[in-house]
Amino acid sequence: MSKILLENMEFFAYHGCFREEQIIGNQFIVNLEIETNTHKAESSDKLTDTLNYQEAYNLVKEQMQQKSHLLEHVARRTLDILLEKFPEISHLKIKISKMHPPMGGKLKCVSLELEKHNSRDV
């Protein structure tokens, strides 16, 4: 197994429970950890033999563009769509950070981490 990491993807999005957050928006950082078998690609050097990072990024971007109240909801949707598109994934972990959230004080970010195993592998 290998880990493919898409690190520090930056998005401007409209997630949050407060009405203002869904109007004004905020900066988000997303980290994605994908476990998959890359053995074939290690030998062939062909993109068709591995998980396409660009496609994975585009799926994350699409989910970040859909307004949600909770980071938990965004994370679950993202993991579900990635596993649907890439059945070769055995395990996924996502971390979504909302930068400078409106918490009434100085705070760099609030983050949610969520993991999911491919049920086909269990």
PDB file of N, CA and C in Angstrom:
ATOM      1  N   MET A   1       0.831  -1.189   0.000  1.00  0.00           N
ATOM      2  CA  MET A   1       0.000   0.000   0.000  1.00  0.00           C
ATOM      3  C   MET A   1       0.871   1.246   0.000  1.00  0.00           C
ATOM      4  N   SER A   2       0.363   2.245  -0.634  1.00  0.00           N
ATOM      5  CA  SER A   2       1.018   3.556  -0.671  1.00  0.00           C
ATOM      6  C   SER A   2       0.054   4.602  -0.152  1.00  0.00           C
ATOM      7  N   LYS A   3       0.609   5.731   0.241  1.00  0.00           N
ATOM      8  CA  LYS A   3      -0.200   6.876   0.630  1.00  0.00           C
ATOM      9  C   LYS A   3       0.036   7.994  -0.371  1.00  0.00           C
ATOM     10  N   ILE A   4      -1.040   8.510  -0.909  1.00  0.00           N
ATOM     11  CA  ILE A   4      -0.998   9.689  -1.762  1.00  0.00           C
ATOM     12  C   ILE A   4      -1.553  10.832  -0.918  1.00  0.00           C
ATOM     13  N   LEU A   5      -0.799  11.904  -0.819  1.00  0.00           N
ATOM     14  CA  LEU A   5      -1.187  13.036   0.024  1.00  0.00           C
ATOM     15  C   LEU A   5      -1.415  14.268  -0.837  1.00  0.00           C
ATOM     16  N   LEU A   6      -2.588  14.832  -0.741  1.00  0.00           N
ATOM     17  CA  LEU A   6      -2.875  16.130  -1.339  1.00  0.00           C
ATOM     18  C   LEU A   6      -2.915  17.097  -0.174  1.00  0.00           C
ATOM     19  N   GLU A   7      -1.892  17.929  -0.062  1.00  0.00           N
ATOM     20  CA  GLU A   7      -1.689  18.717   1.143  1.00  0.00           C
ATOM     21  C   GLU A   7      -1.933  20.204   0.929  1.00  0.00           C
ATOM     22  N   ASN A   8      -2.583  20.794   1.916  1.00  0.00           N
ATOM     23  CA  ASN A   8      -2.784  22.236   1.982  1.00  0.00           C
ATOM     24  C   ASN A   8      -3.477  22.814   0.741  1.00  0.00           C
ATOM     25  N   MET A   9      -4.527  22.127   0.300  1.00  0.00           N
ATOM     26  CA  MET A   9      -5.346  22.658  -0.791  1.00  0.00           C
ATOM     27  C   MET A   9      -6.139  23.830  -0.224  1.00  0.00           C
ATOM     28  N   GLU A  10      -6.112  24.956  -0.891  1.00  0.00           N
ATOM     29  CA  GLU A  10      -6.780  26.157  -0.403  1.00  0.00           C
ATOM     30  C   GLU A  10      -8.043  26.431  -1.215  1.00  0.00           C
ATOM     31  N   PHE A  11      -9.124  26.702  -0.492  1.00  0.00           N
ATOM     32  CA  PHE A  11     -10.402  27.007  -1.127  1.00  0.00           C
ATOM     33  C   PHE A  11     -11.073  28.161  -0.398  1.00  0.00           C
ATOM     34  N   PHE A  12     -11.779  28.987  -1.143  1.00  0.00           N
ATOM     35  CA  PHE A  12     -12.661  29.976  -0.549  1.00  0.00           C
ATOM     36  C   PHE A  12     -14.054  29.402  -0.696  1.00  0.00           C
ATOM     37  N   ALA A  13     -14.770  29.260   0.426  1.00  0.00           N
ATOM     38  CA  ALA A  13     -16.067  28.591   0.391  1.00  0.00           C
ATOM     39  C   ALA A  13     -17.021  29.229   1.396  1.00  0.00           C
ATOM     40  N   TYR A  14     -18.237  28.730   1.403  1.00  0.00           N
ATOM     41  CA  TYR A  14     -19.332  29.338   2.171  1.00  0.00           C
ATOM     42  C   TYR A  14     -19.958  28.333   3.142  1.00  0.00           C
ATOM     43  N   HIS A  15     -19.129  27.706   3.955  1.00  0.00           N
ATOM     44  CA  HIS A  15     -19.607  26.740   4.942  1.00  0.00           C
ATOM     45  C   HIS A  15     -19.702  27.408   6.304  1.00  0.00           C
ATOM     46  N   GLY A  16     -20.772  27.096   7.017  1.00  0.00           N
ATOM     47  CA  GLY A  16     -20.915  27.621   8.369  1.00  0.00           C
ATOM     48  C   GLY A  16     -22.370  27.665   8.793  1.00  0.00           C
ATOM     49  N   CYS A  17     -22.574  27.658  10.086  1.00  0.00           N
ATOM     50  CA  CYS A  17     -23.929  27.684  10.654  1.00  0.00           C
ATOM     51  C   CYS A  17     -24.520  29.088  10.674  1.00  0.00           C
ATOM     52  N   PHE A  18     -23.660  30.095  10.721  1.00  0.00           N
ATOM     53  CA  PHE A  18     -24.147  31.470  10.762  1.00  0.00           C
ATOM     54  C   PHE A  18     -24.478  31.953   9.355  1.00  0.00           C
ATOM     55  N   ARG A  19     -25.565  32.676   9.240  1.00  0.00           N
ATOM     56  CA  ARG A  19     -26.011  33.207   7.944  1.00  0.00           C
ATOM     57  C   ARG A  19     -24.884  34.005   7.271  1.00  0.00           C
ATOM     58  N   GLU A  20     -24.182  34.784   8.056  1.00  0.00           N
ATOM     59  CA  GLU A  20     -23.102  35.615   7.528  1.00  0.00           C
ATOM     60  C   GLU A  20     -22.006  34.782   6.876  1.00  0.00           C
ATOM     61  N   GLU A  21     -21.723  33.623   7.464  1.00  0.00           N
ATOM     62  CA  GLU A  21     -20.683  32.752   6.904  1.00  0.00           C
ATOM     63  C   GLU A  21     -21.075  32.256   5.518  1.00  0.00           C
ATOM     64  N   GLN A  22     -22.365  32.039   5.313  1.00  0.00           N
ATOM     65  CA  GLN A  22     -22.831  31.542   4.025  1.00  0.00           C
ATOM     66  C   GLN A  22     -22.946  32.666   2.992  1.00  0.00           C
ATOM     67  N   ILE A  23     -22.811  33.912   3.443  1.00  0.00           N
ATOM     68  CA  ILE A  23     -22.842  35.054   2.527  1.00  0.00           C
ATOM     69  C   ILE A  23     -21.423  35.568   2.257  1.00  0.00           C
ATOM     70  N   ILE A  24     -20.670  35.774   3.334  1.00  0.00           N
ATOM     71  CA  ILE A  24     -19.324  36.363   3.233  1.00  0.00           C
ATOM     72  C   ILE A  24     -18.283  35.332   2.823  1.00  0.00           C
ATOM     73  N   GLY A  25     -18.405  34.097   3.328  1.00  0.00           N
ATOM     74  CA  GLY A  25     -17.443  33.049   3.018  1.00  0.00           C
ATOM     75  C   GLY A  25     -16.204  33.117   3.889  1.00  0.00           C
ATOM     76  N   ASN A  26     -15.327  32.159   3.665  1.00  0.00           N
ATOM     77  CA  ASN A  26     -14.119  32.061   4.467  1.00  0.00           C
ATOM     78  C   ASN A  26     -13.083  31.226   3.709  1.00  0.00           C
ATOM     79  N   GLN A  27     -11.863  31.275   4.188  1.00  0.00           N
ATOM     80  CA  GLN A  27     -10.771  30.484   3.625  1.00  0.00           C
ATOM     81  C   GLN A  27     -10.729  29.125   4.323  1.00  0.00           C
ATOM     82  N   PHE A  28     -10.530  28.065   3.548  1.00  0.00           N
ATOM     83  CA  PHE A  28     -10.445  26.702   4.068  1.00  0.00           C
ATOM     84  C   PHE A  28      -9.182  26.029   3.537  1.00  0.00           C
ATOM     85  N   ILE A  29      -8.604  25.190   4.363  1.00  0.00           N
ATOM     86  CA  ILE A  29      -7.451  24.376   3.968  1.00  0.00           C
ATOM     87  C   ILE A  29      -7.887  22.917   4.091  1.00  0.00           C
ATOM     88  N   VAL A  30      -7.626  22.137   3.037  1.00  0.00           N
ATOM     89  CA  VAL A  30      -8.006  20.729   3.024  1.00  0.00           C
ATOM     90  C   VAL A  30      -6.767  19.873   2.797  1.00  0.00           C
ATOM     91  N   ASN A  31      -6.635  18.844   3.637  1.00  0.00           N
ATOM     92  CA  ASN A  31      -5.582  17.840   3.480  1.00  0.00           C
ATOM     93  C   ASN A  31      -6.257  16.492   3.287  1.00  0.00           C
ATOM     94  N   LEU A  32      -5.752  15.745   2.324  1.00  0.00           N
ATOM     95  CA  LEU A  32      -6.344  14.457   1.990  1.00  0.00           C
ATOM     96  C   LEU A  32      -5.246  13.399   1.969  1.00  0.00           C
ATOM     97  N   GLU A  33      -5.514  12.287   2.637  1.00  0.00           N
ATOM     98  CA  GLU A  33      -4.591  11.152   2.662  1.00  0.00           C
ATOM     99  C   GLU A  33      -5.322   9.962   2.058  1.00  0.00           C
ATOM    100  N   ILE A  34      -4.750   9.408   0.992  1.00  0.00           N
ATOM    101  CA  ILE A  34      -5.370   8.308   0.253  1.00  0.00           C
ATOM    102  C   ILE A  34      -4.442   7.100   0.305  1.00  0.00           C
ATOM    103  N   GLU A  35      -4.970   5.971   0.786  1.00  0.00           N
ATOM    104  CA  GLU A  35      -4.202   4.729   0.752  1.00  0.00           C
ATOM    105  C   GLU A  35      -4.712   3.884  -0.407  1.00  0.00           C
ATOM    106  N   THR A  36      -3.782   3.476  -1.261  1.00  0.00           N
ATOM    107  CA  THR A  36      -4.120   2.677  -2.425  1.00  0.00           C
ATOM    108  C   THR A  36      -2.892   1.891  -2.869  1.00  0.00           C
ATOM    109  N   ASN A  37      -3.104   0.909  -3.689  1.00  0.00           N
ATOM    110  CA  ASN A  37      -2.016   0.104  -4.216  1.00  0.00           C
ATOM    111  C   ASN A  37      -1.461   0.782  -5.464  1.00  0.00           C
ATOM    112  N   THR A  38      -0.191   1.180  -5.422  1.00  0.00           N
ATOM    113  CA  THR A  38       0.445   1.842  -6.565  1.00  0.00           C
ATOM    114  C   THR A  38       1.484   0.947  -7.234  1.00  0.00           C
ATOM    115  N   HIS A  39       1.476  -0.333  -6.897  1.00  0.00           N
ATOM    116  CA  HIS A  39       2.508  -1.257  -7.392  1.00  0.00           C
ATOM    117  C   HIS A  39       2.626  -1.237  -8.924  1.00  0.00           C
ATOM    118  N   LYS A  40       1.500  -1.306  -9.615  1.00  0.00           N
ATOM    119  CA  LYS A  40       1.527  -1.345 -11.076  1.00  0.00           C
ATOM    120  C   LYS A  40       2.144  -0.071 -11.654  1.00  0.00           C
ATOM    121  N   ALA A  41       1.756   1.082 -11.141  1.00  0.00           N
ATOM    122  CA  ALA A  41       2.277   2.364 -11.626  1.00  0.00           C
ATOM    123  C   ALA A  41       3.765   2.530 -11.319  1.00  0.00           C
ATOM    124  N   GLU A  42       4.209   1.938 -10.221  1.00  0.00           N
ATOM    125  CA  GLU A  42       5.629   2.023  -9.860  1.00  0.00           C
ATOM    126  C   GLU A  42       6.503   1.404 -10.937  1.00  0.00           C
ATOM    127  N   SER A  43       5.982   0.402 -11.604  1.00  0.00           N
ATOM    128  CA  SER A  43       6.730  -0.272 -12.671  1.00  0.00           C
ATOM    129  C   SER A  43       6.454   0.327 -14.048  1.00  0.00           C
ATOM    130  N   SER A  44       5.199   0.660 -14.309  1.00  0.00           N
ATOM    131  CA  SER A  44       4.819   1.076 -15.668  1.00  0.00           C
ATOM    132  C   SER A  44       5.089   2.548 -15.970  1.00  0.00           C
ATOM    133  N   ASP A  45       5.055   3.404 -14.940  1.00  0.00           N
ATOM    134  CA  ASP A  45       5.209   4.847 -15.117  1.00  0.00           C
ATOM    135  C   ASP A  45       4.077   5.436 -15.971  1.00  0.00           C
ATOM    136  N   LYS A  46       2.879   4.831 -15.874  1.00  0.00           N
ATOM    137  CA  LYS A  46       1.730   5.294 -16.649  1.00  0.00           C
ATOM    138  C   LYS A  46       0.644   5.822 -15.708  1.00  0.00           C
ATOM    139  N   LEU A  47       0.102   6.968 -16.056  1.00  0.00           N
ATOM    140  CA  LEU A  47      -0.961   7.583 -15.266  1.00  0.00           C
ATOM    141  C   LEU A  47      -2.185   6.682 -15.179  1.00  0.00           C
ATOM    142  N   THR A  48      -2.440   5.935 -16.216  1.00  0.00           N
ATOM    143  CA  THR A  48      -3.615   5.047 -16.225  1.00  0.00           C
ATOM    144  C   THR A  48      -3.502   3.917 -15.204  1.00  0.00           C
ATOM    145  N   ASP A  49      -2.319   3.701 -14.666  1.00  0.00           N
ATOM    146  CA  ASP A  49      -2.108   2.627 -13.690  1.00  0.00           C
ATOM    147  C   ASP A  49      -2.108   3.115 -12.243  1.00  0.00           C
ATOM    148  N   THR A  50      -2.519   4.348 -12.039  1.00  0.00           N
ATOM    149  CA  THR A  50      -2.571   4.877 -10.682  1.00  0.00           C
ATOM    150  C   THR A  50      -3.782   5.778 -10.521  1.00  0.00           C
ATOM    151  N   LEU A  51      -3.987   6.248  -9.331  1.00  0.00           N
ATOM    152  CA  LEU A  51      -5.066   7.183  -9.052  1.00  0.00           C
ATOM    153  C   LEU A  51      -4.665   8.562  -9.579  1.00  0.00           C
ATOM    154  N   ASN A  52      -5.519   9.169 -10.355  1.00  0.00           N
ATOM    155  CA  ASN A  52      -5.229  10.465 -10.960  1.00  0.00           C
ATOM    156  C   ASN A  52      -5.422  11.567  -9.910  1.00  0.00           C
ATOM    157  N   TYR A  53      -4.323  12.196  -9.491  1.00  0.00           N
ATOM    158  CA  TYR A  53      -4.367  13.225  -8.450  1.00  0.00           C
ATOM    159  C   TYR A  53      -5.219  14.417  -8.870  1.00  0.00           C
ATOM    160  N   GLN A  54      -5.163  14.770 -10.154  1.00  0.00           N
ATOM    161  CA  GLN A  54      -5.933  15.908 -10.644  1.00  0.00           C
ATOM    162  C   GLN A  54      -7.433  15.654 -10.512  1.00  0.00           C
ATOM    163  N   GLU A  55      -7.864  14.443 -10.837  1.00  0.00           N
ATOM    164  CA  GLU A  55      -9.274  14.092 -10.690  1.00  0.00           C
ATOM    165  C   GLU A  55      -9.695  14.129  -9.221  1.00  0.00           C
ATOM    166  N   ALA A  56      -8.833  13.634  -8.350  1.00  0.00           N
ATOM    167  CA  ALA A  56      -9.129  13.660  -6.912  1.00  0.00           C
ATOM    168  C   ALA A  56      -9.255  15.108  -6.436  1.00  0.00           C
ATOM    169  N   TYR A  57      -8.340  15.958  -6.853  1.00  0.00           N
ATOM    170  CA  TYR A  57      -8.390  17.376  -6.484  1.00  0.00           C
ATOM    171  C   TYR A  57      -9.699  18.005  -6.968  1.00  0.00           C
ATOM    172  N   ASN A  58     -10.074  17.729  -8.208  1.00  0.00           N
ATOM    173  CA  ASN A  58     -11.295  18.313  -8.769  1.00  0.00           C
ATOM    174  C   ASN A  58     -12.541  17.871  -7.997  1.00  0.00           C
ATOM    175  N   LEU A  59     -12.570  16.633  -7.526  1.00  0.00           N
ATOM    176  CA  LEU A  59     -13.701  16.161  -6.730  1.00  0.00           C
ATOM    177  C   LEU A  59     -13.765  16.886  -5.388  1.00  0.00           C
ATOM    178  N   VAL A  60     -12.612  17.091  -4.767  1.00  0.00           N
ATOM    179  CA  VAL A  60     -12.569  17.851  -3.506  1.00  0.00           C
ATOM    180  C   VAL A  60     -13.063  19.273  -3.767  1.00  0.00           C
ATOM    181  N   LYS A  61     -12.575  19.881  -4.826  1.00  0.00           N
ATOM    182  CA  LYS A  61     -12.970  21.255  -5.173  1.00  0.00           C
ATOM    183  C   LYS A  61     -14.480  21.356  -5.378  1.00  0.00           C
ATOM    184  N   GLU A  62     -15.067  20.407  -6.086  1.00  0.00           N
ATOM    185  CA  GLU A  62     -16.518  20.411  -6.315  1.00  0.00           C
ATOM    186  C   GLU A  62     -17.290  20.362  -4.996  1.00  0.00           C
ATOM    187  N   GLN A  63     -16.839  19.528  -4.069  1.00  0.00           N
ATOM    188  CA  GLN A  63     -17.522  19.412  -2.787  1.00  0.00           C
ATOM    189  C   GLN A  63     -17.355  20.673  -1.945  1.00  0.00           C
ATOM    190  N   MET A  64     -16.195  21.303  -2.028  1.00  0.00           N
ATOM    191  CA  MET A  64     -15.968  22.540  -1.280  1.00  0.00           C
ATOM    192  C   MET A  64     -16.830  23.677  -1.814  1.00  0.00           C
ATOM    193  N   GLN A  65     -17.212  23.620  -3.073  1.00  0.00           N
ATOM    194  CA  GLN A  65     -18.028  24.673  -3.671  1.00  0.00           C
ATOM    195  C   GLN A  65     -19.503  24.560  -3.291  1.00  0.00           C
ATOM    196  N   GLN A  66     -19.922  23.418  -2.745  1.00  0.00           N
ATOM    197  CA  GLN A  66     -21.309  23.228  -2.322  1.00  0.00           C
ATOM    198  C   GLN A  66     -21.468  23.701  -0.877  1.00  0.00           C
ATOM    199  N   LYS A  67     -22.307  24.695  -0.657  1.00  0.00           N
ATOM    200  CA  LYS A  67     -22.514  25.241   0.691  1.00  0.00           C
ATOM    201  C   LYS A  67     -23.010  24.159   1.647  1.00  0.00           C
ATOM    202  N   SER A  68     -22.467  24.192   2.854  1.00  0.00           N
ATOM    203  CA  SER A  68     -22.913  23.307   3.935  1.00  0.00           C
ATOM    204  C   SER A  68     -22.842  24.064   5.244  1.00  0.00           C
ATOM    205  N   HIS A  69     -23.642  23.647   6.203  1.00  0.00           N
ATOM    206  CA  HIS A  69     -23.569  24.242   7.534  1.00  0.00           C
ATOM    207  C   HIS A  69     -22.387  23.678   8.314  1.00  0.00           C
ATOM    208  N   LEU A  70     -22.104  22.380   8.132  1.00  0.00           N
ATOM    209  CA  LEU A  70     -21.102  21.707   8.965  1.00  0.00           C
ATOM    210  C   LEU A  70     -19.939  21.143   8.156  1.00  0.00           C
ATOM    211  N   LEU A  71     -18.738  21.250   8.730  1.00  0.00           N
ATOM    212  CA  LEU A  71     -17.565  20.634   8.110  1.00  0.00           C
ATOM    213  C   LEU A  71     -17.723  19.117   8.050  1.00  0.00           C
ATOM    214  N   GLU A  72     -18.425  18.560   9.034  1.00  0.00           N
ATOM    215  CA  GLU A  72     -18.664  17.116   9.056  1.00  0.00           C
ATOM    216  C   GLU A  72     -19.392  16.668   7.788  1.00  0.00           C
ATOM    217  N   HIS A  73     -20.336  17.465   7.357  1.00  0.00           N
ATOM    218  CA  HIS A  73     -21.115  17.139   6.161  1.00  0.00           C
ATOM    219  C   HIS A  73     -20.258  17.228   4.902  1.00  0.00           C
ATOM    220  N   VAL A  74     -19.451  18.261   4.805  1.00  0.00           N
ATOM    221  CA  VAL A  74     -18.550  18.424   3.659  1.00  0.00           C
ATOM    222  C   VAL A  74     -17.567  17.255   3.595  1.00  0.00           C
ATOM    223  N   ALA A  75     -17.006  16.902   4.738  1.00  0.00           N
ATOM    224  CA  ALA A  75     -16.021  15.820   4.788  1.00  0.00           C
ATOM    225  C   ALA A  75     -16.639  14.485   4.377  1.00  0.00           C
ATOM    226  N   ARG A  76     -17.815  14.170   4.892  1.00  0.00           N
ATOM    227  CA  ARG A  76     -18.472  12.902   4.561  1.00  0.00           C
ATOM    228  C   ARG A  76     -18.795  12.828   3.075  1.00  0.00           C
ATOM    229  N   ARG A  77     -19.357  13.899   2.531  1.00  0.00           N
ATOM    230  CA  ARG A  77     -19.665  13.929   1.089  1.00  0.00           C
ATOM    231  C   ARG A  77     -18.408  13.704   0.263  1.00  0.00           C
ATOM    232  N   THR A  78     -17.325  14.350   0.663  1.00  0.00           N
ATOM    233  CA  THR A  78     -16.077  14.264  -0.088  1.00  0.00           C
ATOM    234  C   THR A  78     -15.523  12.844  -0.059  1.00  0.00           C
ATOM    235  N   LEU A  79     -15.486  12.234   1.112  1.00  0.00           N
ATOM    236  CA  LEU A  79     -14.987  10.860   1.204  1.00  0.00           C
ATOM    237  C   LEU A  79     -15.861   9.904   0.390  1.00  0.00           C
ATOM    238  N   ASP A  80     -17.169  10.075   0.475  1.00  0.00           N
ATOM    239  CA  ASP A  80     -18.081   9.200  -0.254  1.00  0.00           C
ATOM    240  C   ASP A  80     -17.881   9.294  -1.763  1.00  0.00           C
ATOM    241  N   ILE A  81     -17.746  10.502  -2.292  1.00  0.00           N
ATOM    242  CA  ILE A  81     -17.592  10.677  -3.739  1.00  0.00           C
ATOM    243  C   ILE A  81     -16.233  10.161  -4.215  1.00  0.00           C
ATOM    244  N   LEU A  82     -15.200  10.329  -3.391  1.00  0.00           N
ATOM    245  CA  LEU A  82     -13.878   9.811  -3.769  1.00  0.00           C
ATOM    246  C   LEU A  82     -13.881   8.283  -3.827  1.00  0.00           C
ATOM    247  N   LEU A  83     -14.525   7.645  -2.849  1.00  0.00           N
ATOM    248  CA  LEU A  83     -14.597   6.179  -2.868  1.00  0.00           C
ATOM    249  C   LEU A  83     -15.464   5.667  -4.013  1.00  0.00           C
ATOM    250  N   GLU A  84     -16.469   6.428  -4.368  1.00  0.00           N
ATOM    251  CA  GLU A  84     -17.318   6.041  -5.496  1.00  0.00           C
ATOM    252  C   GLU A  84     -16.529   6.122  -6.810  1.00  0.00           C
ATOM    253  N   LYS A  85     -15.764   7.182  -6.983  1.00  0.00           N
ATOM    254  CA  LYS A  85     -14.996   7.401  -8.214  1.00  0.00           C
ATOM    255  C   LYS A  85     -13.770   6.496  -8.301  1.00  0.00           C
ATOM    256  N   PHE A  86     -13.149   6.222  -7.152  1.00  0.00           N
ATOM    257  CA  PHE A  86     -11.904   5.445  -7.122  1.00  0.00           C
ATOM    258  C   PHE A  86     -12.077   4.228  -6.208  1.00  0.00           C
ATOM    259  N   PRO A  87     -12.690   3.157  -6.695  1.00  0.00           N
ATOM    260  CA  PRO A  87     -12.908   1.977  -5.853  1.00  0.00           C
ATOM    261  C   PRO A  87     -11.602   1.297  -5.403  1.00  0.00           C
ATOM    262  N   GLU A  88     -10.498   1.658  -6.029  1.00  0.00           N
ATOM    263  CA  GLU A  88      -9.206   1.079  -5.650  1.00  0.00           C
ATOM    264  C   GLU A  88      -8.653   1.664  -4.346  1.00  0.00           C
ATOM    265  N   ILE A  89      -9.274   2.712  -3.835  1.00  0.00           N
ATOM    266  CA  ILE A  89      -8.853   3.298  -2.557  1.00  0.00           C
ATOM    267  C   ILE A  89      -9.235   2.341  -1.434  1.00  0.00           C
ATOM    268  N   SER A  90      -8.289   2.080  -0.535  1.00  0.00           N
ATOM    269  CA  SER A  90      -8.597   1.214   0.606  1.00  0.00           C
ATOM    270  C   SER A  90      -8.939   2.024   1.864  1.00  0.00           C
ATOM    271  N   HIS A  91      -8.369   3.217   1.982  1.00  0.00           N
ATOM    272  CA  HIS A  91      -8.596   4.040   3.171  1.00  0.00           C
ATOM    273  C   HIS A  91      -8.394   5.503   2.813  1.00  0.00           C
ATOM    274  N   LEU A  92      -9.221   6.347   3.392  1.00  0.00           N
ATOM    275  CA  LEU A  92      -9.144   7.790   3.164  1.00  0.00           C
ATOM    276  C   LEU A  92      -9.170   8.530   4.487  1.00  0.00           C
ATOM    277  N   LYS A  93      -8.449   9.635   4.535  1.00  0.00           N
ATOM    278  CA  LYS A  93      -8.541  10.534   5.686  1.00  0.00           C
ATOM    279  C   LYS A  93      -8.542  11.962   5.152  1.00  0.00           C
ATOM    280  N   ILE A  94      -9.470  12.755   5.655  1.00  0.00           N
ATOM    281  CA  ILE A  94      -9.552  14.152   5.246  1.00  0.00           C
ATOM    282  C   ILE A  94      -9.500  15.039   6.485  1.00  0.00           C
ATOM    283  N   LYS A  95      -8.852  16.170   6.329  1.00  0.00           N
ATOM    284  CA  LYS A  95      -8.840  17.200   7.368  1.00  0.00           C
ATOM    285  C   LYS A  95      -9.238  18.503   6.694  1.00  0.00           C
ATOM    286  N   ILE A  96     -10.306  19.112   7.197  1.00  0.00           N
ATOM    287  CA  ILE A  96     -10.771  20.392   6.681  1.00  0.00           C
ATOM    288  C   ILE A  96     -10.614  21.426   7.790  1.00  0.00           C
ATOM    289  N   SER A  97      -9.925  22.512   7.478  1.00  0.00           N
ATOM    290  CA  SER A  97      -9.701  23.586   8.458  1.00  0.00           C
ATOM    291  C   SER A  97     -10.355  24.866   7.968  1.00  0.00           C
ATOM    292  N   LYS A  98     -11.165  25.459   8.842  1.00  0.00           N
ATOM    293  CA  LYS A  98     -11.753  26.773   8.560  1.00  0.00           C
ATOM    294  C   LYS A  98     -10.840  27.800   9.211  1.00  0.00           C
ATOM    295  N   MET A  99     -10.283  28.692   8.410  1.00  0.00           N
ATOM    296  CA  MET A  99      -9.336  29.669   8.909  1.00  0.00           C
ATOM    297  C   MET A  99     -10.065  30.847   9.566  1.00  0.00           C
ATOM    298  N   HIS A 100      -9.552  31.277  10.699  1.00  0.00           N
ATOM    299  CA  HIS A 100     -10.071  32.435  11.438  1.00  0.00           C
ATOM    300  C   HIS A 100     -11.597  32.394  11.582  1.00  0.00           C
ATOM    301  N   PRO A 101     -12.110  31.340  12.204  1.00  0.00           N
ATOM    302  CA  PRO A 101     -13.560  31.210  12.342  1.00  0.00           C
ATOM    303  C   PRO A 101     -14.128  32.263  13.304  1.00  0.00           C
ATOM    304  N   PRO A 102     -15.397  32.607  13.117  1.00  0.00           N
ATOM    305  CA  PRO A 102     -16.020  33.617  13.980  1.00  0.00           C
ATOM    306  C   PRO A 102     -16.394  33.028  15.343  1.00  0.00           C
ATOM    307  N   MET A 103     -15.409  32.942  16.232  1.00  0.00           N
ATOM    308  CA  MET A 103     -15.614  32.321  17.540  1.00  0.00           C
ATOM    309  C   MET A 103     -15.601  33.343  18.676  1.00  0.00           C
ATOM    310  N   GLY A 104     -15.474  34.608  18.349  1.00  0.00           N
ATOM    311  CA  GLY A 104     -15.481  35.630  19.386  1.00  0.00           C
ATOM    312  C   GLY A 104     -14.126  35.880  20.013  1.00  0.00           C
ATOM    313  N   GLY A 105     -13.079  35.368  19.398  1.00  0.00           N
ATOM    314  CA  GLY A 105     -11.722  35.575  19.891  1.00  0.00           C
ATOM    315  C   GLY A 105     -10.728  35.216  18.805  1.00  0.00           C
ATOM    316  N   LYS A 106      -9.465  35.425  19.102  1.00  0.00           N
ATOM    317  CA  LYS A 106      -8.417  35.148  18.129  1.00  0.00           C
ATOM    318  C   LYS A 106      -8.173  33.638  18.059  1.00  0.00           C
ATOM    319  N   LEU A 107      -8.336  33.083  16.867  1.00  0.00           N
ATOM    320  CA  LEU A 107      -8.192  31.647  16.662  1.00  0.00           C
ATOM    321  C   LEU A 107      -7.729  31.422  15.233  1.00  0.00           C
ATOM    322  N   LYS A 108      -6.623  30.711  15.064  1.00  0.00           N
ATOM    323  CA  LYS A 108      -6.084  30.481  13.715  1.00  0.00           C
ATOM    324  C   LYS A 108      -7.058  29.674  12.864  1.00  0.00           C
ATOM    325  N   CYS A 109      -7.562  28.562  13.405  1.00  0.00           N
ATOM    326  CA  CYS A 109      -8.470  27.728  12.627  1.00  0.00           C
ATOM    327  C   CYS A 109      -9.192  26.748  13.535  1.00  0.00           C
ATOM    328  N   VAL A 110     -10.249  26.188  12.995  1.00  0.00           N
ATOM    329  CA  VAL A 110     -10.935  25.065  13.608  1.00  0.00           C
ATOM    330  C   VAL A 110     -10.930  23.975  12.544  1.00  0.00           C
ATOM    331  N   SER A 111     -10.662  22.736  12.951  1.00  0.00           N
ATOM    332  CA  SER A 111     -10.497  21.658  11.974  1.00  0.00           C
ATOM    333  C   SER A 111     -11.339  20.448  12.328  1.00  0.00           C
ATOM    334  N   LEU A 112     -11.654  19.706  11.300  1.00  0.00           N
ATOM    335  CA  LEU A 112     -12.338  18.427  11.448  1.00  0.00           C
ATOM    336  C   LEU A 112     -11.548  17.391  10.677  1.00  0.00           C
ATOM    337  N   GLU A 113     -11.341  16.245  11.288  1.00  0.00           N
ATOM    338  CA  GLU A 113     -10.692  15.122  10.624  1.00  0.00           C
ATOM    339  C   GLU A 113     -11.664  13.964  10.589  1.00  0.00           C
ATOM    340  N   LEU A 114     -11.747  13.313   9.431  1.00  0.00           N
ATOM    341  CA  LEU A 114     -12.664  12.196   9.257  1.00  0.00           C
ATOM    342  C   LEU A 114     -11.973  11.138   8.419  1.00  0.00           C
ATOM    343  N   GLU A 115     -12.191   9.869   8.769  1.00  0.00           N
ATOM    344  CA  GLU A 115     -11.589   8.754   8.047  1.00  0.00           C
ATOM    345  C   GLU A 115     -12.672   7.800   7.571  1.00  0.00           C
ATOM    346  N   LYS A 116     -12.361   7.099   6.484  1.00  0.00           N
ATOM    347  CA  LYS A 116     -13.292   6.094   5.993  1.00  0.00           C
ATOM    348  C   LYS A 116     -12.518   4.976   5.301  1.00  0.00           C
ATOM    349  N   HIS A 117     -12.881   3.748   5.643  1.00  0.00           N
ATOM    350  CA  HIS A 117     -12.314   2.583   4.971  1.00  0.00           C
ATOM    351  C   HIS A 117     -13.254   2.169   3.847  1.00  0.00           C
ATOM    352  N   ASN A 118     -12.677   1.635   2.805  1.00  0.00           N
ATOM    353  CA  ASN A 118     -13.484   1.123   1.709  1.00  0.00           C
ATOM    354  C   ASN A 118     -14.145  -0.156   2.187  1.00  0.00           C
ATOM    355  N   SER A 119     -15.465  -0.184   2.247  1.00  0.00           N
ATOM    356  CA  SER A 119     -16.204  -1.349   2.758  1.00  0.00           C
ATOM    357  C   SER A 119     -15.986  -2.587   1.904  1.00  0.00           C
ATOM    358  N   ARG A 120     -15.557  -2.405   0.665  1.00  0.00           N
ATOM    359  CA  ARG A 120     -15.275  -3.559  -0.199  1.00  0.00           C
ATOM    360  C   ARG A 120     -14.033  -4.319   0.250  1.00  0.00           C
ATOM    361  N   ASP A 121     -13.162  -3.619   1.029  1.00  0.00           N
ATOM    362  CA  ASP A 121     -11.933  -4.250   1.506  1.00  0.00           C
ATOM    363  C   ASP A 121     -12.107  -4.924   2.853  1.00  0.00           C
ATOM    364  N   VAL A 122     -13.214  -4.663   3.530  1.00  0.00           N
ATOM    365  CA  VAL A 122     -13.416  -5.193   4.892  1.00  0.00           C
ATOM    366  C   VAL A 122     -14.020  -6.573   4.857  1.00  0.00           C
TER     367      VAL A 122
END
